[in-house]
Amino acid sequence: MEMFQKFERSPLKKLRVKRFMTQKQLGKALGVTEMTVSNWESGRSVPKLTPVQYKKLLEILQITSAELPDQFGFPSDAEG
């Protein structure tokens, strides 16, 4: 059963899919690669966004900074 939990969507992916965007489209809008977005969603890397990119991300996802998830990838095993 634990194995299936890994297939749940990351918080960023949920927000991106809700806006009918691909990783490539989101990456292009933020000036990063599709692989960078993939790494964020998988938890392999943490976004290092400029203020302009941060504002653009909020605008694209149509959320406020308070609604932005603390982590874009899957929670680590240590957390739960």
PDB file of N, CA and C in Angstrom:
ATOM      1  N   MET A   1       0.821  -1.200   0.000  1.00  0.00           N
ATOM      2  CA  MET A   1       0.000   0.000   0.000  1.00  0.00           C
ATOM      3  C   MET A   1       0.864   1.264   0.000  1.00  0.00           C
ATOM      4  N   GLU A   2       1.959   1.252   0.751  1.00  0.00           N
ATOM      5  CA  GLU A   2       2.838   2.409   0.820  1.00  0.00           C
ATOM      6  C   GLU A   2       3.382   2.782  -0.554  1.00  0.00           C
ATOM      7  N   MET A   3       3.603   1.794  -1.392  1.00  0.00           N
ATOM      8  CA  MET A   3       4.135   2.030  -2.727  1.00  0.00           C
ATOM      9  C   MET A   3       3.192   2.915  -3.553  1.00  0.00           C
ATOM     10  N   PHE A   4       1.899   2.751  -3.377  1.00  0.00           N
ATOM     11  CA  PHE A   4       0.941   3.534  -4.141  1.00  0.00           C
ATOM     12  C   PHE A   4       0.942   5.000  -3.722  1.00  0.00           C
ATOM     13  N   GLN A   5       1.311   5.288  -2.488  1.00  0.00           N
ATOM     14  CA  GLN A   5       1.345   6.671  -2.027  1.00  0.00           C
ATOM     15  C   GLN A   5       2.353   7.490  -2.820  1.00  0.00           C
ATOM     16  N   LYS A   6       3.401   6.869  -3.312  1.00  0.00           N
ATOM     17  CA  LYS A   6       4.417   7.564  -4.097  1.00  0.00           C
ATOM     18  C   LYS A   6       3.857   8.070  -5.428  1.00  0.00           C
ATOM     19  N   PHE A   7       2.748   7.484  -5.877  1.00  0.00           N
ATOM     20  CA  PHE A   7       2.191   7.865  -7.165  1.00  0.00           C
ATOM     21  C   PHE A   7       1.184   9.014  -7.054  1.00  0.00           C
ATOM     22  N   GLU A   8       0.944   9.485  -5.848  1.00  0.00           N
ATOM     23  CA  GLU A   8       0.076  10.641  -5.690  1.00  0.00           C
ATOM     24  C   GLU A   8       0.767  11.850  -6.317  1.00  0.00           C
ATOM     25  N   ARG A   9      -0.009  12.794  -6.709  1.00  0.00           N
ATOM     26  CA  ARG A   9       0.557  13.978  -7.348  1.00  0.00           C
ATOM     27  C   ARG A   9       1.188  14.908  -6.328  1.00  0.00           C
ATOM     28  N   SER A  10       2.251  15.549  -6.758  1.00  0.00           N
ATOM     29  CA  SER A  10       2.886  16.548  -5.905  1.00  0.00           C
ATOM     30  C   SER A  10       1.983  17.782  -5.850  1.00  0.00           C
ATOM     31  N   PRO A  11       2.138  18.612  -4.818  1.00  0.00           N
ATOM     32  CA  PRO A  11       1.313  19.831  -4.728  1.00  0.00           C
ATOM     33  C   PRO A  11       1.448  20.738  -5.952  1.00  0.00           C
ATOM     34  N   LEU A  12       2.678  20.891  -6.464  1.00  0.00           N
ATOM     35  CA  LEU A  12       2.863  21.739  -7.646  1.00  0.00           C
ATOM     36  C   LEU A  12       2.174  21.126  -8.854  1.00  0.00           C
ATOM     37  N   LYS A  13       2.294  19.821  -9.013  1.00  0.00           N
ATOM     38  CA  LYS A  13       1.663  19.170 -10.162  1.00  0.00           C
ATOM     39  C   LYS A  13       0.150  19.337 -10.101  1.00  0.00           C
ATOM     40  N   LYS A  14      -0.428  19.189  -8.914  1.00  0.00           N
ATOM     41  CA  LYS A  14      -1.879  19.373  -8.769  1.00  0.00           C
ATOM     42  C   LYS A  14      -2.295  20.758  -9.237  1.00  0.00           C
ATOM     43  N   LEU A  15      -1.545  21.766  -8.807  1.00  0.00           N
ATOM     44  CA  LEU A  15      -1.874  23.145  -9.199  1.00  0.00           C
ATOM     45  C   LEU A  15      -1.675  23.368 -10.697  1.00  0.00           C
ATOM     46  N   ARG A  16      -0.602  22.807 -11.242  1.00  0.00           N
ATOM     47  CA  ARG A  16      -0.294  22.979 -12.671  1.00  0.00           C
ATOM     48  C   ARG A  16      -1.354  22.297 -13.533  1.00  0.00           C
ATOM     49  N   VAL A  17      -1.718  21.075 -13.177  1.00  0.00           N
ATOM     50  CA  VAL A  17      -2.711  20.321 -13.946  1.00  0.00           C
ATOM     51  C   VAL A  17      -4.079  21.000 -13.855  1.00  0.00           C
ATOM     52  N   LYS A  18      -4.372  21.566 -12.702  1.00  0.00           N
ATOM     53  CA  LYS A  18      -5.635  22.290 -12.524  1.00  0.00           C
ATOM     54  C   LYS A  18      -5.752  23.444 -13.529  1.00  0.00           C
ATOM     55  N   ARG A  19      -4.615  23.996 -13.930  1.00  0.00           N
ATOM     56  CA  ARG A  19      -4.583  25.095 -14.915  1.00  0.00           C
ATOM     57  C   ARG A  19      -4.352  24.583 -16.333  1.00  0.00           C
ATOM     58  N   PHE A  20      -4.421  23.259 -16.504  1.00  0.00           N
ATOM     59  CA  PHE A  20      -4.259  22.629 -17.826  1.00  0.00           C
ATOM     60  C   PHE A  20      -2.937  23.004 -18.487  1.00  0.00           C
ATOM     61  N   MET A  21      -1.872  23.006 -17.694  1.00  0.00           N
ATOM     62  CA  MET A  21      -0.543  23.355 -18.207  1.00  0.00           C
ATOM     63  C   MET A  21       0.361  22.133 -18.178  1.00  0.00           C
ATOM     64  N   THR A  22       1.263  22.076 -19.135  1.00  0.00           N
ATOM     65  CA  THR A  22       2.298  21.047 -19.139  1.00  0.00           C
ATOM     66  C   THR A  22       3.509  21.581 -18.376  1.00  0.00           C
ATOM     67  N   GLN A  23       4.418  20.687 -18.046  1.00  0.00           N
ATOM     68  CA  GLN A  23       5.664  21.115 -17.410  1.00  0.00           C
ATOM     69  C   GLN A  23       6.424  22.052 -18.336  1.00  0.00           C
ATOM     70  N   LYS A  24       6.379  21.748 -19.618  1.00  0.00           N
ATOM     71  CA  LYS A  24       7.085  22.567 -20.597  1.00  0.00           C
ATOM     72  C   LYS A  24       6.506  23.985 -20.638  1.00  0.00           C
ATOM     73  N   GLN A  25       5.184  24.101 -20.621  1.00  0.00           N
ATOM     74  CA  GLN A  25       4.541  25.422 -20.657  1.00  0.00           C
ATOM     75  C   GLN A  25       4.863  26.233 -19.401  1.00  0.00           C
ATOM     76  N   LEU A  26       4.808  25.579 -18.250  1.00  0.00           N
ATOM     77  CA  LEU A  26       5.120  26.280 -17.007  1.00  0.00           C
ATOM     78  C   LEU A  26       6.582  26.707 -16.994  1.00  0.00           C
ATOM     79  N   GLY A  27       7.442  25.811 -17.404  1.00  0.00           N
ATOM     80  CA  GLY A  27       8.867  26.144 -17.464  1.00  0.00           C
ATOM     81  C   GLY A  27       9.141  27.319 -18.374  1.00  0.00           C
ATOM     82  N   LYS A  28       8.531  27.312 -19.540  1.00  0.00           N
ATOM     83  CA  LYS A  28       8.741  28.402 -20.497  1.00  0.00           C
ATOM     84  C   LYS A  28       8.261  29.728 -19.913  1.00  0.00           C
ATOM     85  N   ALA A  29       7.124  29.720 -19.240  1.00  0.00           N
ATOM     86  CA  ALA A  29       6.575  30.942 -18.641  1.00  0.00           C
ATOM     87  C   ALA A  29       7.482  31.491 -17.544  1.00  0.00           C
ATOM     88  N   LEU A  30       8.191  30.586 -16.855  1.00  0.00           N
ATOM     89  CA  LEU A  30       9.061  31.005 -15.756  1.00  0.00           C
ATOM     90  C   LEU A  30      10.518  31.166 -16.175  1.00  0.00           C
ATOM     91  N   GLY A  31      10.818  30.787 -17.417  1.00  0.00           N
ATOM     92  CA  GLY A  31      12.197  30.909 -17.900  1.00  0.00           C
ATOM     93  C   GLY A  31      13.103  29.799 -17.386  1.00  0.00           C
ATOM     94  N   VAL A  32      12.514  28.611 -17.135  1.00  0.00           N
ATOM     95  CA  VAL A  32      13.298  27.447 -16.723  1.00  0.00           C
ATOM     96  C   VAL A  32      12.948  26.289 -17.659  1.00  0.00           C
ATOM     97  N   THR A  33      13.693  25.209 -17.538  1.00  0.00           N
ATOM     98  CA  THR A  33      13.442  24.073 -18.420  1.00  0.00           C
ATOM     99  C   THR A  33      12.311  23.187 -17.891  1.00  0.00           C
ATOM    100  N   GLU A  34      11.809  22.368 -18.784  1.00  0.00           N
ATOM    101  CA  GLU A  34      10.805  21.374 -18.420  1.00  0.00           C
ATOM    102  C   GLU A  34      11.368  20.425 -17.354  1.00  0.00           C
ATOM    103  N   MET A  35      12.652  20.079 -17.486  1.00  0.00           N
ATOM    104  CA  MET A  35      13.300  19.192 -16.523  1.00  0.00           C
ATOM    105  C   MET A  35      13.366  19.840 -15.139  1.00  0.00           C
ATOM    106  N   THR A  36      13.552  21.142 -15.090  1.00  0.00           N
ATOM    107  CA  THR A  36      13.573  21.848 -13.810  1.00  0.00           C
ATOM    108  C   THR A  36      12.222  21.724 -13.120  1.00  0.00           C
ATOM    109  N   VAL A  37      11.150  21.927 -13.862  1.00  0.00           N
ATOM    110  CA  VAL A  37       9.801  21.789 -13.295  1.00  0.00           C
ATOM    111  C   VAL A  37       9.586  20.356 -12.832  1.00  0.00           C
ATOM    112  N   SER A  38      10.021  19.395 -13.618  1.00  0.00           N
ATOM    113  CA  SER A  38       9.908  17.985 -13.249  1.00  0.00           C
ATOM    114  C   SER A  38      10.654  17.711 -11.940  1.00  0.00           C
ATOM    115  N   ASN A  39      11.843  18.279 -11.810  1.00  0.00           N
ATOM    116  CA  ASN A  39      12.630  18.091 -10.585  1.00  0.00           C
ATOM    117  C   ASN A  39      11.944  18.713  -9.376  1.00  0.00           C
ATOM    118  N   TRP A  40      11.305  19.853  -9.558  1.00  0.00           N
ATOM    119  CA  TRP A  40      10.553  20.473  -8.460  1.00  0.00           C
ATOM    120  C   TRP A  40       9.413  19.554  -8.032  1.00  0.00           C
ATOM    121  N   GLU A  41       8.673  19.053  -9.009  1.00  0.00           N
ATOM    122  CA  GLU A  41       7.506  18.226  -8.714  1.00  0.00           C
ATOM    123  C   GLU A  41       7.879  16.902  -8.065  1.00  0.00           C
ATOM    124  N   SER A  42       9.025  16.376  -8.408  1.00  0.00           N
ATOM    125  CA  SER A  42       9.454  15.098  -7.836  1.00  0.00           C
ATOM    126  C   SER A  42      10.156  15.276  -6.497  1.00  0.00           C
ATOM    127  N   GLY A  43      10.477  16.514  -6.158  1.00  0.00           N
ATOM    128  CA  GLY A  43      11.184  16.780  -4.912  1.00  0.00           C
ATOM    129  C   GLY A  43      12.687  16.618  -5.027  1.00  0.00           C
ATOM    130  N   ARG A  44      13.199  16.452  -6.262  1.00  0.00           N
ATOM    131  CA  ARG A  44      14.642  16.299  -6.467  1.00  0.00           C
ATOM    132  C   ARG A  44      15.382  17.621  -6.310  1.00  0.00           C
ATOM    133  N   SER A  45      14.680  18.733  -6.491  1.00  0.00           N
ATOM    134  CA  SER A  45      15.301  20.042  -6.286  1.00  0.00           C
ATOM    135  C   SER A  45      14.258  21.018  -5.759  1.00  0.00           C
ATOM    136  N   VAL A  46      14.762  22.095  -5.202  1.00  0.00           N
ATOM    137  CA  VAL A  46      13.917  23.126  -4.612  1.00  0.00           C
ATOM    138  C   VAL A  46      14.002  24.369  -5.496  1.00  0.00           C
ATOM    139  N   PRO A  47      12.875  24.988  -5.811  1.00  0.00           N
ATOM    140  CA  PRO A  47      12.915  26.176  -6.670  1.00  0.00           C
ATOM    141  C   PRO A  47      13.710  27.308  -6.037  1.00  0.00           C
ATOM    142  N   LYS A  48      14.490  27.963  -6.861  1.00  0.00           N
ATOM    143  CA  LYS A  48      15.198  29.173  -6.471  1.00  0.00           C
ATOM    144  C   LYS A  48      14.733  30.247  -7.453  1.00  0.00           C
ATOM    145  N   LEU A  49      13.616  30.878  -7.129  1.00  0.00           N
ATOM    146  CA  LEU A  49      12.966  31.810  -8.040  1.00  0.00           C
ATOM    147  C   LEU A  49      13.344  33.250  -7.730  1.00  0.00           C
ATOM    148  N   THR A  50      13.450  34.037  -8.780  1.00  0.00           N
ATOM    149  CA  THR A  50      13.613  35.474  -8.603  1.00  0.00           C
ATOM    150  C   THR A  50      12.255  36.040  -8.197  1.00  0.00           C
ATOM    151  N   PRO A  51      12.219  37.257  -7.674  1.00  0.00           N
ATOM    152  CA  PRO A  51      10.918  37.857  -7.342  1.00  0.00           C
ATOM    153  C   PRO A  51       9.969  37.901  -8.545  1.00  0.00           C
ATOM    154  N   VAL A  52      10.492  38.182  -9.717  1.00  0.00           N
ATOM    155  CA  VAL A  52       9.659  38.234 -10.924  1.00  0.00           C
ATOM    156  C   VAL A  52       9.090  36.844 -11.230  1.00  0.00           C
ATOM    157  N   GLN A  53       9.930  35.809 -11.137  1.00  0.00           N
ATOM    158  CA  GLN A  53       9.463  34.441 -11.389  1.00  0.00           C
ATOM    159  C   GLN A  53       8.428  34.023 -10.342  1.00  0.00           C
ATOM    160  N   TYR A  54       8.670  34.394  -9.101  1.00  0.00           N
ATOM    161  CA  TYR A  54       7.746  34.062  -8.015  1.00  0.00           C
ATOM    162  C   TYR A  54       6.369  34.672  -8.272  1.00  0.00           C
ATOM    163  N   LYS A  55       6.352  35.940  -8.625  1.00  0.00           N
ATOM    164  CA  LYS A  55       5.079  36.617  -8.929  1.00  0.00           C
ATOM    165  C   LYS A  55       4.396  35.977 -10.129  1.00  0.00           C
ATOM    166  N   LYS A  56       5.181  35.625 -11.140  1.00  0.00           N
ATOM    167  CA  LYS A  56       4.636  34.991 -12.346  1.00  0.00           C
ATOM    168  C   LYS A  56       4.027  33.631 -11.997  1.00  0.00           C
ATOM    169  N   LEU A  57       4.709  32.864 -11.137  1.00  0.00           N
ATOM    170  CA  LEU A  57       4.195  31.564 -10.731  1.00  0.00           C
ATOM    171  C   LEU A  57       2.844  31.706 -10.032  1.00  0.00           C
ATOM    172  N   LEU A  58       2.736  32.655  -9.126  1.00  0.00           N
ATOM    173  CA  LEU A  58       1.470  32.891  -8.430  1.00  0.00           C
ATOM    174  C   LEU A  58       0.374  33.287  -9.413  1.00  0.00           C
ATOM    175  N   GLU A  59       0.738  34.131 -10.371  1.00  0.00           N
ATOM    176  CA  GLU A  59      -0.223  34.587 -11.388  1.00  0.00           C
ATOM    177  C   GLU A  59      -0.692  33.414 -12.254  1.00  0.00           C
ATOM    178  N   ILE A  60       0.255  32.594 -12.702  1.00  0.00           N
ATOM    179  CA  ILE A  60      -0.074  31.457 -13.562  1.00  0.00           C
ATOM    180  C   ILE A  60      -0.974  30.457 -12.832  1.00  0.00           C
ATOM    181  N   LEU A  61      -0.615  30.155 -11.585  1.00  0.00           N
ATOM    182  CA  LEU A  61      -1.374  29.169 -10.820  1.00  0.00           C
ATOM    183  C   LEU A  61      -2.649  29.752 -10.226  1.00  0.00           C
ATOM    184  N   GLN A  62      -2.789  31.057 -10.322  1.00  0.00           N
ATOM    185  CA  GLN A  62      -3.958  31.780  -9.803  1.00  0.00           C
ATOM    186  C   GLN A  62      -4.160  31.501  -8.318  1.00  0.00           C
ATOM    187  N   ILE A  63      -3.066  31.689  -7.566  1.00  0.00           N
ATOM    188  CA  ILE A  63      -3.097  31.506  -6.125  1.00  0.00           C
ATOM    189  C   ILE A  63      -2.396  32.680  -5.449  1.00  0.00           C
ATOM    190  N   THR A  64      -2.581  32.786  -4.143  1.00  0.00           N
ATOM    191  CA  THR A  64      -1.870  33.796  -3.358  1.00  0.00           C
ATOM    192  C   THR A  64      -0.619  33.160  -2.775  1.00  0.00           C
ATOM    193  N   SER A  65       0.258  33.970  -2.231  1.00  0.00           N
ATOM    194  CA  SER A  65       1.473  33.421  -1.625  1.00  0.00           C
ATOM    195  C   SER A  65       1.123  32.518  -0.436  1.00  0.00           C
ATOM    196  N   ALA A  66       0.043  32.817   0.267  1.00  0.00           N
ATOM    197  CA  ALA A  66      -0.391  31.982   1.390  1.00  0.00           C
ATOM    198  C   ALA A  66      -0.858  30.604   0.925  1.00  0.00           C
ATOM    199  N   GLU A  67      -1.355  30.507  -0.299  1.00  0.00           N
ATOM    200  CA  GLU A  67      -1.843  29.231  -0.839  1.00  0.00           C
ATOM    201  C   GLU A  67      -0.730  28.397  -1.467  1.00  0.00           C
ATOM    202  N   LEU A  68       0.438  28.994  -1.652  1.00  0.00           N
ATOM    203  CA  LEU A  68       1.559  28.291  -2.260  1.00  0.00           C
ATOM    204  C   LEU A  68       2.051  27.206  -1.301  1.00  0.00           C
ATOM    205  N   PRO A  69       2.179  25.963  -1.768  1.00  0.00           N
ATOM    206  CA  PRO A  69       2.629  24.889  -0.876  1.00  0.00           C
ATOM    207  C   PRO A  69       4.047  25.150  -0.361  1.00  0.00           C
ATOM    208  N   ASP A  70       4.324  24.681   0.844  1.00  0.00           N
ATOM    209  CA  ASP A  70       5.672  24.817   1.409  1.00  0.00           C
ATOM    210  C   ASP A  70       6.672  23.965   0.645  1.00  0.00           C
ATOM    211  N   GLN A  71       6.210  22.820   0.143  1.00  0.00           N
ATOM    212  CA  GLN A  71       7.042  21.934  -0.660  1.00  0.00           C
ATOM    213  C   GLN A  71       6.296  21.615  -1.950  1.00  0.00           C
ATOM    214  N   PHE A  72       7.022  21.629  -3.061  1.00  0.00           N
ATOM    215  CA  PHE A  72       6.390  21.314  -4.344  1.00  0.00           C
ATOM    216  C   PHE A  72       6.392  19.815  -4.624  1.00  0.00           C
ATOM    217  N   GLY A  73       7.388  19.122  -4.095  1.00  0.00           N
ATOM    218  CA  GLY A  73       7.503  17.694  -4.340  1.00  0.00           C
ATOM    219  C   GLY A  73       6.749  16.898  -3.294  1.00  0.00           C
ATOM    220  N   PHE A  74       6.959  15.596  -3.318  1.00  0.00           N
ATOM    221  CA  PHE A  74       6.327  14.712  -2.358  1.00  0.00           C
ATOM    222  C   PHE A  74       6.945  14.921  -0.985  1.00  0.00           C
ATOM    223  N   PRO A  75       6.173  14.804   0.080  1.00  0.00           N
ATOM    224  CA  PRO A  75       6.755  14.887   1.419  1.00  0.00           C
ATOM    225  C   PRO A  75       7.790  13.777   1.594  1.00  0.00           C
ATOM    226  N   SER A  76       8.852  14.065   2.306  1.00  0.00           N
ATOM    227  CA  SER A  76       9.887  13.046   2.510  1.00  0.00           C
ATOM    228  C   SER A  76       9.367  11.974   3.464  1.00  0.00           C
ATOM    229  N   ASP A  77       9.989  10.811   3.406  1.00  0.00           N
ATOM    230  CA  ASP A  77       9.587   9.697   4.268  1.00  0.00           C
ATOM    231  C   ASP A  77       9.763  10.055   5.741  1.00  0.00           C
ATOM    232  N   ALA A  78      10.723  10.926   6.048  1.00  0.00           N
ATOM    233  CA  ALA A  78      11.002  11.308   7.429  1.00  0.00           C
ATOM    234  C   ALA A  78       9.848  12.108   8.049  1.00  0.00           C
ATOM    235  N   GLU A  79       9.036  12.722   7.200  1.00  0.00           N
ATOM    236  CA  GLU A  79       7.954  13.567   7.701  1.00  0.00           C
ATOM    237  C   GLU A  79       6.700  12.787   8.048  1.00  0.00           C
ATOM    238  N   GLY A  80       6.602  11.570   7.617  1.00  0.00           N
ATOM    239  CA  GLY A  80       5.354  10.956   7.927  1.00  0.00           C
ATOM    240  C   GLY A  80       5.259   9.543   7.683  1.00  0.00           C
TER     241      GLY A  80
END
